[in-house]
Amino acid sequence: MNASDIGALDAIISIALAWALYRGFQKGFIVKIASLFALVAGTFAGFHGSEGLADWLSKEVDWSETGVQLTAFVLTFILVVIGVHFLAKIIEKMVDLTALGVINKLAGLALGAFQMVLLLSITTFALDGVFGARSWLPDDAAEESILYPFVETAVELVIPEMNRATPWDEIRDHMQDGVERIQDKVEEGMERFENAQP
């Protein structure tokens, strides 16, 4: 295939994937997976663990209740993300001293590509939901693309509930149910841990 045969859509997807592969290899699997965990943990901590900080802030500053709660959430989120990232870097340094360093880099490369494909797929899903299936793309761009069909369907392989024929309200309910199930599992695990303590 000649370079002139590659459409603009494939070129954009290829550039995004190349960047993701580079960043994944550069960061390594440990830091990449820690970044994902940090986002989830930071958000969870911001919602469920920022009350103490909000109480302290309300005594120190003369802000509205909303402002205090938002600031407490953001600060908690940032602290958790920094803490997880710092811990991941320490673990990565230890791994780099062993023969697992190369495996860490290669696994990071694969995870970087997976993240980018999933991100692009979710983006196309959202745009389809707002503007209509493929109507936001130039005429015949999707049909002529080699990579787009794979990107388009990736999110449905990972999250079957996110079917493009499913109404948005139903998708939202599925996602809410999923979050609630995760919360229940976390609470169940914490309860078991507390009960196991002497």
Protein backbone atom coordinates (compact mmCIF):
# COMPACT_ATOMS: atom_id res chain seq x y z
CA MET A 1 0.00 0.00 0.00
CA ASN A 2 1.34 3.43 -0.91
CA ALA A 3 1.32 6.35 1.51
CA SER A 4 -1.09 8.13 -0.85
CA ASP A 5 -3.59 5.28 -0.35
CA ILE A 6 -3.85 5.96 3.38
CA GLY A 7 -6.89 8.10 4.16
CA ALA A 8 -6.92 11.01 6.59
CA LEU A 9 -8.88 9.00 9.15
CA ASP A 10 -6.35 6.15 9.11
CA ALA A 11 -3.51 8.66 9.33
CA ILE A 12 -5.04 10.28 12.44
CA ILE A 13 -5.63 6.90 14.09
CA SER A 14 -2.09 5.74 13.19
CA ILE A 15 -0.51 8.87 14.69
CA ALA A 16 -2.55 8.47 17.88
CA LEU A 17 -1.56 4.81 18.17
CA ALA A 18 2.11 5.55 17.48
CA TRP A 19 2.10 8.18 20.22
CA ALA A 20 0.37 5.77 22.63
CA LEU A 21 2.89 3.01 21.84
CA TYR A 22 5.79 5.39 22.43
CA ARG A 23 4.38 6.70 25.72
CA GLY A 24 3.49 3.19 26.86
CA PHE A 25 7.01 1.92 26.20
CA GLN A 26 8.54 5.02 27.78
CA LYS A 27 6.47 4.81 30.97
CA GLY A 28 6.31 1.04 31.30
CA PHE A 29 3.46 -1.18 32.47
CA ILE A 30 3.79 -0.41 36.17
CA VAL A 31 3.44 3.36 35.78
CA LYS A 32 0.70 3.01 33.14
CA ILE A 33 -1.41 0.67 35.25
CA ALA A 34 -0.74 2.84 38.30
CA SER A 35 -2.03 5.86 36.37
CA LEU A 36 -5.31 4.05 35.71
CA PHE A 37 -5.55 2.94 39.34
CA ALA A 38 -4.71 6.45 40.56
CA LEU A 39 -7.62 7.94 38.60
CA VAL A 40 -10.07 5.43 40.06
CA ALA A 41 -8.63 5.59 43.58
CA GLY A 42 -8.38 9.39 43.49
CA THR A 43 -11.99 9.77 42.39
CA PHE A 44 -13.20 7.27 45.01
CA ALA A 45 -11.17 8.97 47.75
CA GLY A 46 -12.40 12.39 46.62
CA PHE A 47 -16.04 11.32 46.96
CA HIS A 48 -15.72 9.21 50.10
CA GLY A 49 -12.65 10.45 51.95
CA SER A 50 -12.62 14.22 51.69
CA GLU A 51 -15.09 14.97 54.52
CA GLY A 52 -12.34 15.45 57.10
CA LEU A 53 -10.42 17.83 54.87
CA ALA A 54 -13.65 19.72 54.09
CA ASP A 55 -14.34 20.13 57.83
CA TRP A 56 -10.84 21.49 58.38
CA LEU A 57 -11.06 23.86 55.42
CA SER A 58 -14.43 25.22 56.54
CA LYS A 59 -12.78 26.37 59.80
CA GLU A 60 -9.77 27.91 58.05
CA VAL A 61 -11.38 29.77 55.13
CA ASP A 62 -14.53 31.80 54.63
CA TRP A 63 -15.84 30.04 51.53
CA SER A 64 -19.21 28.69 50.52
CA GLU A 65 -20.02 25.09 51.40
CA THR A 66 -19.85 24.12 47.72
CA GLY A 67 -16.45 25.78 47.33
CA VAL A 68 -15.07 24.00 50.40
CA GLN A 69 -16.37 20.60 49.27
CA LEU A 70 -15.05 21.06 45.74
CA THR A 71 -11.63 22.16 47.00
CA ALA A 72 -11.49 19.23 49.42
CA PHE A 73 -12.37 16.83 46.61
CA VAL A 74 -9.71 18.24 44.27
CA LEU A 75 -6.99 18.27 46.94
CA THR A 76 -7.80 14.71 48.02
CA PHE A 77 -7.80 13.55 44.41
CA ILE A 78 -4.42 15.19 43.71
CA LEU A 79 -2.83 13.80 46.89
CA VAL A 80 -3.96 10.25 46.12
CA VAL A 81 -2.80 10.47 42.49
CA ILE A 82 0.62 11.81 43.56
CA GLY A 83 0.93 9.13 46.25
CA VAL A 84 0.09 6.27 43.88
CA HIS A 85 2.40 7.65 41.20
CA PHE A 86 5.27 8.02 43.70
CA LEU A 87 4.78 4.44 44.90
CA ALA A 88 4.67 3.19 41.30
CA LYS A 89 7.97 4.92 40.51
CA ILE A 90 9.62 3.25 43.50
CA ILE A 91 8.34 -0.17 42.38
CA GLU A 92 9.48 0.55 38.83
CA LYS A 93 13.00 1.39 40.04
CA MET A 94 13.12 -1.93 41.85
CA VAL A 95 11.87 -3.77 38.74
CA ASP A 96 14.44 -2.02 36.53
CA LEU A 97 17.19 -3.54 38.68
CA THR A 98 15.99 -7.01 37.67
CA ALA A 99 15.54 -8.78 34.33
CA LEU A 100 11.87 -7.74 34.38
CA GLY A 101 12.69 -4.21 33.18
CA VAL A 102 12.30 -5.09 29.48
CA ILE A 103 9.07 -6.99 30.15
CA ASN A 104 7.75 -3.95 32.01
CA LYS A 105 8.48 -1.74 28.98
CA LEU A 106 6.91 -4.15 26.46
CA ALA A 107 3.82 -4.64 28.62
CA GLY A 108 3.56 -0.86 28.92
CA LEU A 109 3.69 -0.60 25.13
CA ALA A 110 0.76 -3.03 24.80
CA LEU A 111 -1.24 -1.31 27.52
CA GLY A 112 -0.63 2.08 25.91
CA ALA A 113 -2.05 0.84 22.60
CA PHE A 114 -5.05 -0.71 24.37
CA GLN A 115 -5.79 2.52 26.25
CA MET A 116 -5.64 4.61 23.08
CA VAL A 117 -7.89 2.27 21.08
CA LEU A 118 -10.40 2.26 23.94
CA LEU A 119 -10.26 6.06 24.26
CA LEU A 120 -10.79 6.55 20.52
CA SER A 121 -13.63 4.02 20.54
CA ILE A 122 -15.40 5.74 23.44
CA THR A 123 -14.97 9.08 21.64
CA THR A 124 -16.58 7.72 18.46
CA PHE A 125 -19.34 6.21 20.58
CA ALA A 126 -20.08 9.60 22.17
CA LEU A 127 -19.96 11.45 18.83
CA ASP A 128 -22.30 8.87 17.27
CA GLY A 129 -24.69 9.39 20.17
CA VAL A 130 -24.68 13.18 19.76
CA PHE A 131 -24.63 13.55 15.96
CA GLY A 132 -25.86 10.17 14.71
CA ALA A 133 -23.90 7.12 13.55
CA ARG A 134 -20.89 8.25 11.48
CA SER A 135 -22.70 11.45 10.45
CA TRP A 136 -19.92 13.57 12.02
CA LEU A 137 -17.36 12.02 9.63
CA PRO A 138 -16.73 13.15 6.03
CA ASP A 139 -18.63 11.18 3.38
CA ASP A 140 -17.31 7.61 2.90
CA ALA A 141 -14.40 8.24 5.32
CA ALA A 142 -15.40 5.35 7.60
CA GLU A 143 -16.11 2.97 4.70
CA GLU A 144 -12.73 3.68 3.09
CA SER A 145 -10.80 3.42 6.37
CA ILE A 146 -8.91 0.25 7.29
CA LEU A 147 -8.48 1.00 10.99
CA TYR A 148 -11.74 2.77 11.85
CA PRO A 149 -13.99 -0.35 11.93
CA PHE A 150 -11.68 -1.92 14.54
CA VAL A 151 -11.62 1.27 16.62
CA GLU A 152 -15.37 1.70 16.30
CA THR A 153 -16.22 -1.73 17.75
CA ALA A 154 -13.49 -1.94 20.41
CA VAL A 155 -15.57 -0.47 23.24
CA GLU A 156 -18.38 -2.98 22.63
CA LEU A 157 -15.89 -5.86 23.02
CA VAL A 158 -14.67 -4.50 26.36
CA ILE A 159 -18.04 -3.21 27.64
CA PRO A 160 -20.82 -5.20 25.92
CA GLU A 161 -23.50 -2.95 27.48
CA MET A 162 -22.24 -0.03 25.38
CA ASN A 163 -24.01 -1.10 22.22
CA ARG A 164 -24.56 1.68 19.69
CA ALA A 165 -28.18 0.63 19.29
CA THR A 166 -28.80 0.97 23.04
CA PRO A 167 -30.51 4.20 24.22
CA TRP A 168 -28.33 6.57 26.28
CA ASP A 169 -30.59 6.31 29.34
CA GLU A 170 -30.16 2.53 29.39
CA ILE A 171 -26.38 2.86 29.01
CA ARG A 172 -26.28 5.32 31.91
CA ASP A 173 -28.28 2.89 34.07
CA HIS A 174 -25.89 0.04 33.15
CA MET A 175 -22.88 2.16 34.12
CA GLN A 176 -24.52 3.23 37.38
CA ASP A 177 -25.29 -0.41 38.21
CA GLY A 178 -21.66 -1.29 37.47
CA VAL A 179 -20.34 1.43 39.77
CA GLU A 180 -22.71 0.30 42.53
CA ARG A 181 -21.56 -3.32 42.12
CA ILE A 182 -17.92 -2.22 42.42
CA GLN A 183 -18.77 -0.19 45.53
CA ASP A 184 -20.52 -3.20 47.07
CA LYS A 185 -17.48 -5.40 46.36
CA VAL A 186 -15.11 -2.85 47.92
CA GLU A 187 -17.31 -2.52 51.02
CA GLU A 188 -17.60 -6.32 51.26
CA GLY A 189 -13.82 -6.66 51.01
CA MET A 190 -13.25 -3.99 53.68
CA GLU A 191 -15.75 -5.72 55.98
CA ARG A 192 -14.00 -9.07 55.55
CA PHE A 193 -10.64 -7.41 56.24
CA GLU A 194 -11.95 -5.77 59.42
CA ASN A 195 -13.52 -9.03 60.61
CA ALA A 196 -10.24 -10.86 60.01
CA GLN A 197 -8.37 -8.51 62.35
CA PRO A 198 -7.62 -10.00 65.79
